[in-house]
Amino acid sequence: MVCTIGAVATADERGEPVVFALKTNDYMQKPIWHACIAGWEGRDLLGFNLLERPGVNSGMNNSGLCVIRSFLDYRGPFEKHEEPAADFPQDPDLRSAIAAFVLEKFNTTREALPYVLDVIPRYTGKNSGQRGGNFLMADAEGTVVVVEHCENQISHHFYQEGYTARGNNGLLILKEEQAALPSYVQKDRETRRQKMEGVVADIRNDLPKGMRKEESLKRLKEVLSWRGPQGDGGLGSICCINLQAPGARTNSSASCTTNTAVIFDLIEKVMHYTRGNPSEMEWQTMKFSS
């Protein structure tokens, strides 16, 4: 699903680790659940997804491993009257199933990465009917990696600097294809990426210098509620409202609105989230039951 994603891993002034992973979810009006799920491998999950889809869109397990996903594609549609090619019946999203399996089976990003690099090409590759995406993983050890995939292209990168962001764009693959996208698509994606990356980079630098963790969480909530350069929830907004930008954030010409935002605290094992648009709704928290 469409969104702006980011992660930051650092330590505070006392040397205590701080790791956040976060995203918005921008989509058509569809029911969404947020839940704590009991796992079968001793790893419980916190996360969310569309009600109609199996698996987890994005989530965290009680070992502190987190998966944050976003849409990454270049195939459009780019006109309001166009609709995407038919998906599987009932539009199952195999990437959600992969994310759920990762959270159930693994403790760290380095453990999970070989599986992800193997299974994504086999089940979401060319002619599979699945969309491309960013598959960001972070863990309580402070490791951050992004796997970018679309059709027959896949690449990954570890962010040793401790932060990264995406705005439905790729930094590792599809460079020529993305350069040929309509200008409004490129602007929407890159504006959001730069805004998110600027915030997580500042947090990475400021926490060791004495900024309180509560302040960093406040900054993350603010950036997820950012309505863009014009303040109207339009093009370039992280928190969008009835945005008409075919192909920029989804494989549909329908307008989209931010219908939830989530922040996973991988150290304290807490999910901060909104039940609706983050610029309008209060933030709530959910923790593991034990």
Protein backbone atom coordinates (compact mmCIF):
# COMPACT_ATOMS: atom_id res chain seq x y z
CA MET A 1 0.00 0.00 0.00
CA VAL A 2 1.05 3.55 -0.56
CA CYS A 3 2.88 5.46 2.11
CA THR A 4 5.90 7.38 3.30
CA ILE A 5 8.27 5.26 5.38
CA GLY A 6 11.32 5.83 7.53
CA ALA A 7 13.53 4.46 10.29
CA VAL A 8 16.10 5.81 12.71
CA ALA A 9 18.49 3.93 15.01
CA THR A 10 20.70 5.79 17.45
CA ALA A 11 21.40 6.22 21.18
CA ASP A 12 20.48 8.95 23.62
CA GLU A 13 22.86 11.06 25.70
CA ARG A 14 23.24 8.24 28.24
CA GLY A 15 24.03 5.69 25.55
CA GLU A 16 20.62 4.01 25.73
CA PRO A 17 19.48 2.66 22.34
CA VAL A 18 16.58 4.29 20.52
CA VAL A 19 15.11 2.71 17.38
CA PHE A 20 11.94 3.83 15.58
CA ALA A 21 10.35 2.66 12.33
CA LEU A 22 7.34 4.50 10.95
CA LYS A 23 4.92 5.03 8.07
CA THR A 24 1.67 6.47 6.87
CA ASN A 25 -0.87 4.44 4.96
CA ASP A 26 -2.42 6.33 2.05
CA TYR A 27 -5.17 4.49 0.24
CA MET A 28 -8.79 4.43 -0.84
CA GLN A 29 -11.34 4.29 1.95
CA LYS A 30 -11.02 0.71 3.18
CA PRO A 31 -11.43 -0.79 6.68
CA ILE A 32 -8.16 -1.26 8.57
CA TRP A 33 -7.33 -3.24 11.69
CA HIS A 34 -4.64 -2.64 14.32
CA ALA A 35 -3.91 -5.59 16.60
CA CYS A 36 -1.63 -7.60 18.84
CA ILE A 37 -1.42 -11.10 17.40
CA ALA A 38 -0.31 -14.24 19.24
CA GLY A 39 2.35 -16.05 17.23
CA TRP A 40 3.10 -19.76 17.05
CA GLU A 41 6.87 -19.49 17.34
CA GLY A 42 6.97 -17.58 20.63
CA ARG A 43 6.98 -14.27 18.80
CA ASP A 44 3.88 -12.13 19.12
CA LEU A 45 3.15 -9.37 16.59
CA LEU A 46 1.93 -5.78 16.71
CA GLY A 47 0.79 -4.41 13.39
CA PHE A 48 -1.96 -3.45 10.96
CA ASN A 49 -3.39 -4.23 7.54
CA LEU A 50 -6.44 -3.80 5.35
CA LEU A 51 -9.30 -5.95 6.60
CA GLU A 52 -9.65 -7.61 3.18
CA ARG A 53 -6.04 -8.80 2.99
CA PRO A 54 -4.29 -11.63 4.84
CA GLY A 55 -0.99 -11.10 6.61
CA VAL A 56 0.50 -7.90 8.01
CA ASN A 57 1.08 -4.71 6.04
CA SER A 58 3.70 -3.56 8.55
CA GLY A 59 4.46 -4.67 12.07
CA MET A 60 6.88 -5.53 14.87
CA ASN A 61 7.46 -8.70 16.87
CA ASN A 62 8.34 -9.00 20.54
CA SER A 63 12.00 -9.62 19.67
CA GLY A 64 12.16 -6.07 18.32
CA LEU A 65 12.23 -6.95 14.61
CA CYS A 66 10.13 -4.61 12.47
CA VAL A 67 8.95 -4.73 8.86
CA ILE A 68 7.73 -1.52 7.18
CA ARG A 69 6.49 -1.80 3.59
CA SER A 70 5.59 0.63 0.85
CA PHE A 71 4.56 0.63 -2.81
CA LEU A 72 7.31 1.06 -5.44
CA ASP A 73 6.40 0.79 -9.11
CA TYR A 74 6.61 2.63 -12.43
CA ARG A 75 3.73 1.15 -14.44
CA GLY A 76 0.95 3.57 -13.61
CA PRO A 77 -1.86 4.30 -14.37
CA PHE A 78 -1.10 7.99 -14.90
CA GLU A 79 -4.50 9.09 -16.17
CA LYS A 80 -7.65 9.44 -14.06
CA HIS A 81 -9.72 7.24 -16.34
CA GLU A 82 -7.24 4.37 -16.34
CA GLU A 83 -7.42 1.42 -13.98
CA PRO A 84 -4.67 -1.11 -13.23
CA ALA A 85 -4.59 -4.53 -14.81
CA ALA A 86 -6.62 -7.14 -12.94
CA ASP A 87 -4.90 -8.68 -9.94
CA PHE A 88 -5.50 -12.09 -8.47
CA PRO A 89 -9.10 -12.72 -7.37
CA GLN A 90 -9.86 -10.62 -4.28
CA ASP A 91 -6.48 -8.90 -4.78
CA PRO A 92 -4.40 -10.91 -2.28
CA ASP A 93 -1.15 -9.20 -1.37
CA LEU A 94 1.54 -11.84 -1.03
CA ARG A 95 3.93 -9.23 0.37
CA SER A 96 1.73 -9.00 3.48
CA ALA A 97 2.00 -12.76 3.92
CA ILE A 98 5.79 -12.55 3.56
CA ALA A 99 5.94 -9.78 6.17
CA ALA A 100 3.86 -11.82 8.62
CA PHE A 101 6.08 -14.87 8.15
CA VAL A 102 9.24 -12.81 8.71
CA LEU A 103 7.87 -11.42 11.97
CA GLU A 104 6.82 -14.86 13.16
CA LYS A 105 10.09 -16.65 12.34
CA PHE A 106 13.00 -14.24 12.87
CA ASN A 107 14.57 -12.11 15.60
CA THR A 108 16.82 -9.76 13.61
CA THR A 109 17.16 -8.22 10.17
CA ARG A 110 20.32 -10.17 9.40
CA GLU A 111 18.54 -13.45 10.18
CA ALA A 112 15.55 -12.47 8.03
CA LEU A 113 17.35 -10.99 5.03
CA PRO A 114 18.39 -14.24 3.25
CA TYR A 115 14.80 -15.47 3.41
CA VAL A 116 13.43 -12.17 2.10
CA LEU A 117 15.92 -12.05 -0.79
CA ASP A 118 14.93 -15.60 -1.74
CA VAL A 119 11.16 -15.48 -1.37
CA ILE A 120 10.34 -12.04 -2.83
CA PRO A 121 11.61 -12.82 -6.37
CA ARG A 122 9.85 -16.20 -6.34
CA TYR A 123 6.43 -14.92 -5.31
CA THR A 124 6.27 -11.23 -6.29
CA GLY A 125 8.45 -11.17 -9.42
CA LYS A 126 7.61 -10.60 -13.06
CA ASN A 127 4.22 -11.95 -14.23
CA SER A 128 3.17 -12.65 -10.63
CA GLY A 129 0.51 -9.92 -10.58
CA GLN A 130 2.15 -8.43 -7.48
CA ARG A 131 3.26 -4.82 -7.17
CA GLY A 132 6.80 -3.68 -6.53
CA GLY A 133 7.76 -2.30 -3.16
CA ASN A 134 10.19 -1.19 -0.49
CA PHE A 135 10.68 -3.80 2.23
CA LEU A 136 12.32 -1.95 5.14
CA MET A 137 13.51 -3.98 8.11
CA ALA A 138 14.91 -2.67 11.40
CA ASP A 139 15.62 -4.32 14.73
CA ALA A 140 16.38 -3.60 18.36
CA GLU A 141 20.10 -4.01 17.65
CA GLY A 142 19.91 -0.87 15.50
CA THR A 143 20.32 -2.54 12.11
CA VAL A 144 18.39 -0.91 9.26
CA VAL A 145 18.13 -2.44 5.78
CA VAL A 146 15.90 -1.75 2.77
CA VAL A 147 15.08 -4.31 0.09
CA GLU A 148 13.71 -2.73 -3.10
CA HIS A 149 11.94 -4.98 -5.58
CA CYS A 150 9.85 -4.67 -8.73
CA GLU A 151 9.25 -7.28 -11.42
CA ASN A 152 12.67 -8.94 -11.98
CA GLN A 153 14.74 -6.31 -10.16
CA ILE A 154 15.77 -6.58 -6.50
CA SER A 155 18.51 -4.94 -4.45
CA HIS A 156 19.21 -4.19 -0.79
CA HIS A 157 21.30 -1.81 1.27
CA PHE A 158 22.29 -1.61 4.96
CA TYR A 159 22.11 1.93 6.35
CA GLN A 160 25.14 2.10 8.63
CA GLU A 161 24.38 5.79 9.29
CA GLY A 162 21.28 4.64 11.16
CA TYR A 163 18.46 6.26 9.18
CA THR A 164 16.68 6.19 5.85
CA ALA A 165 13.36 7.10 4.21
CA ARG A 166 11.30 6.44 1.10
CA GLY A 167 8.34 8.19 -0.51
CA ASN A 168 7.20 5.36 -2.83
CA ASN A 169 10.43 5.84 -4.73
CA GLY A 170 13.51 3.65 -5.06
CA LEU A 171 17.12 4.62 -4.55
CA LEU A 172 18.60 1.27 -5.60
CA ILE A 173 16.57 0.06 -8.61
CA LEU A 174 14.43 1.43 -11.49
CA LYS A 175 16.54 4.58 -11.84
CA GLU A 176 15.90 5.03 -15.57
CA GLU A 177 12.23 4.11 -15.24
CA GLN A 178 11.71 6.56 -12.39
CA ALA A 179 13.46 9.34 -14.30
CA ALA A 180 10.89 8.86 -17.08
CA LEU A 181 7.86 9.12 -14.76
CA PRO A 182 5.53 12.13 -15.03
CA SER A 183 6.95 15.16 -13.24
CA TYR A 184 4.13 15.28 -10.67
CA VAL A 185 4.86 11.66 -9.69
CA GLN A 186 8.55 12.38 -9.18
CA LYS A 187 7.78 15.56 -7.23
CA ASP A 188 5.26 13.88 -4.95
CA ARG A 189 7.56 10.97 -4.13
CA GLU A 190 10.79 12.91 -3.68
CA THR A 191 9.24 15.74 -1.64
CA ARG A 192 7.97 13.22 0.88
CA ARG A 193 11.22 11.27 0.96
CA GLN A 194 13.29 14.39 1.60
CA LYS A 195 10.95 15.63 4.32
CA MET A 196 10.99 12.28 6.15
CA GLU A 197 14.72 11.79 5.73
CA GLY A 198 15.43 15.24 7.09
CA VAL A 199 13.49 14.50 10.27
CA VAL A 200 15.00 11.06 10.95
CA ALA A 201 18.49 12.43 10.20
CA ASP A 202 17.97 15.25 12.71
CA ILE A 203 16.81 12.78 15.34
CA ARG A 204 19.86 10.61 14.64
CA ASN A 205 22.08 13.62 15.31
CA ASP A 206 20.17 15.29 18.16
CA LEU A 207 19.41 12.38 20.51
CA PRO A 208 23.08 11.77 21.44
CA LYS A 209 23.42 15.50 22.13
CA GLY A 210 20.75 15.55 24.81
CA MET A 211 17.38 15.63 23.06
CA ARG A 212 14.81 13.65 25.04
CA LYS A 213 13.25 10.57 23.52
CA GLU A 214 9.79 12.09 24.07
CA GLU A 215 10.79 15.01 21.84
CA SER A 216 11.96 12.66 19.10
CA LEU A 217 8.64 10.82 19.22
CA LYS A 218 6.82 14.15 18.98
CA ARG A 219 8.83 15.06 15.88
CA LEU A 220 7.94 11.74 14.25
CA LYS A 221 4.24 12.26 14.93
CA GLU A 222 4.49 15.76 13.47
CA VAL A 223 6.15 14.59 10.26
CA LEU A 224 3.56 11.86 9.78
CA SER A 225 0.89 14.58 10.11
CA TRP A 226 2.61 16.94 7.63
CA ARG A 227 0.13 18.14 5.01
CA GLY A 228 2.75 19.17 2.50
CA PRO A 229 4.27 22.38 1.18
CA GLN A 230 0.85 23.99 0.66
CA GLY A 231 -0.66 22.64 3.89
CA ASP A 232 -3.64 21.18 2.03
CA GLY A 233 -2.84 17.49 2.02
CA GLY A 234 -2.07 17.66 -1.69
CA LEU A 235 0.96 16.85 -3.83
CA GLY A 236 4.05 16.15 -1.73
CA SER A 237 2.14 15.80 1.53
CA ILE A 238 3.07 12.96 3.88
CA CYS A 239 -0.45 13.20 5.31
CA CYS A 240 -2.68 13.43 2.23
CA ILE A 241 -6.37 14.25 1.92
CA ASN A 242 -8.34 13.20 -1.17
CA LEU A 243 -5.18 13.35 -3.25
CA GLN A 244 -5.59 12.99 -7.01
CA ALA A 245 -2.18 11.88 -8.30
CA PRO A 246 -2.58 8.71 -10.40
CA GLY A 247 0.46 6.45 -10.24
CA ALA A 248 2.31 8.47 -7.62
CA ARG A 249 1.33 6.37 -4.61
CA THR A 250 -0.76 3.47 -5.89
CA ASN A 251 -1.60 1.43 -8.97
CA SER A 252 -5.03 3.04 -9.19
CA SER A 253 -6.42 6.30 -10.52
CA ALA A 254 -8.67 6.68 -7.46
CA SER A 255 -7.98 9.46 -4.97
CA CYS A 256 -6.33 8.47 -1.70
CA THR A 257 -6.30 9.72 1.88
CA THR A 258 -4.00 8.88 4.79
CA ASN A 259 -6.10 6.48 6.84
CA THR A 260 -3.59 5.59 9.55
CA ALA A 261 -0.06 6.36 10.72
CA VAL A 262 2.11 4.07 12.83
CA ILE A 263 5.36 4.41 14.78
CA PHE A 264 7.03 1.28 16.13
CA ASP A 265 9.33 1.73 19.14
CA LEU A 266 11.62 -1.28 18.79
CA ILE A 267 13.25 -0.84 22.20
CA GLU A 268 10.18 -0.31 24.38
CA LYS A 269 8.10 -2.60 22.10
CA VAL A 270 5.21 -0.15 21.66
CA MET A 271 3.12 0.68 18.59
CA HIS A 272 1.90 4.28 18.40
CA TYR A 273 -0.91 4.65 15.87
CA THR A 274 -3.92 6.65 14.75
CA ARG A 275 -7.34 5.30 13.84
CA GLY A 276 -7.73 7.60 10.89
CA ASN A 277 -5.96 10.62 9.43
CA PRO A 278 -3.06 11.59 11.75
CA SER A 279 -3.67 15.31 11.30
CA GLU A 280 -7.20 14.85 12.68
CA MET A 281 -7.09 11.90 15.10
CA GLU A 282 -5.47 11.41 18.52
CA TRP A 283 -2.52 9.07 18.85
CA GLN A 284 -3.03 5.80 20.69
CA THR A 285 -0.63 3.10 21.92
CA MET A 286 -0.67 -0.66 21.87
CA LYS A 287 1.70 -3.00 23.72
CA PHE A 288 2.31 -6.73 23.85
CA SER A 289 0.07 -8.49 26.35
CA SER A 290 2.96 -10.07 28.21
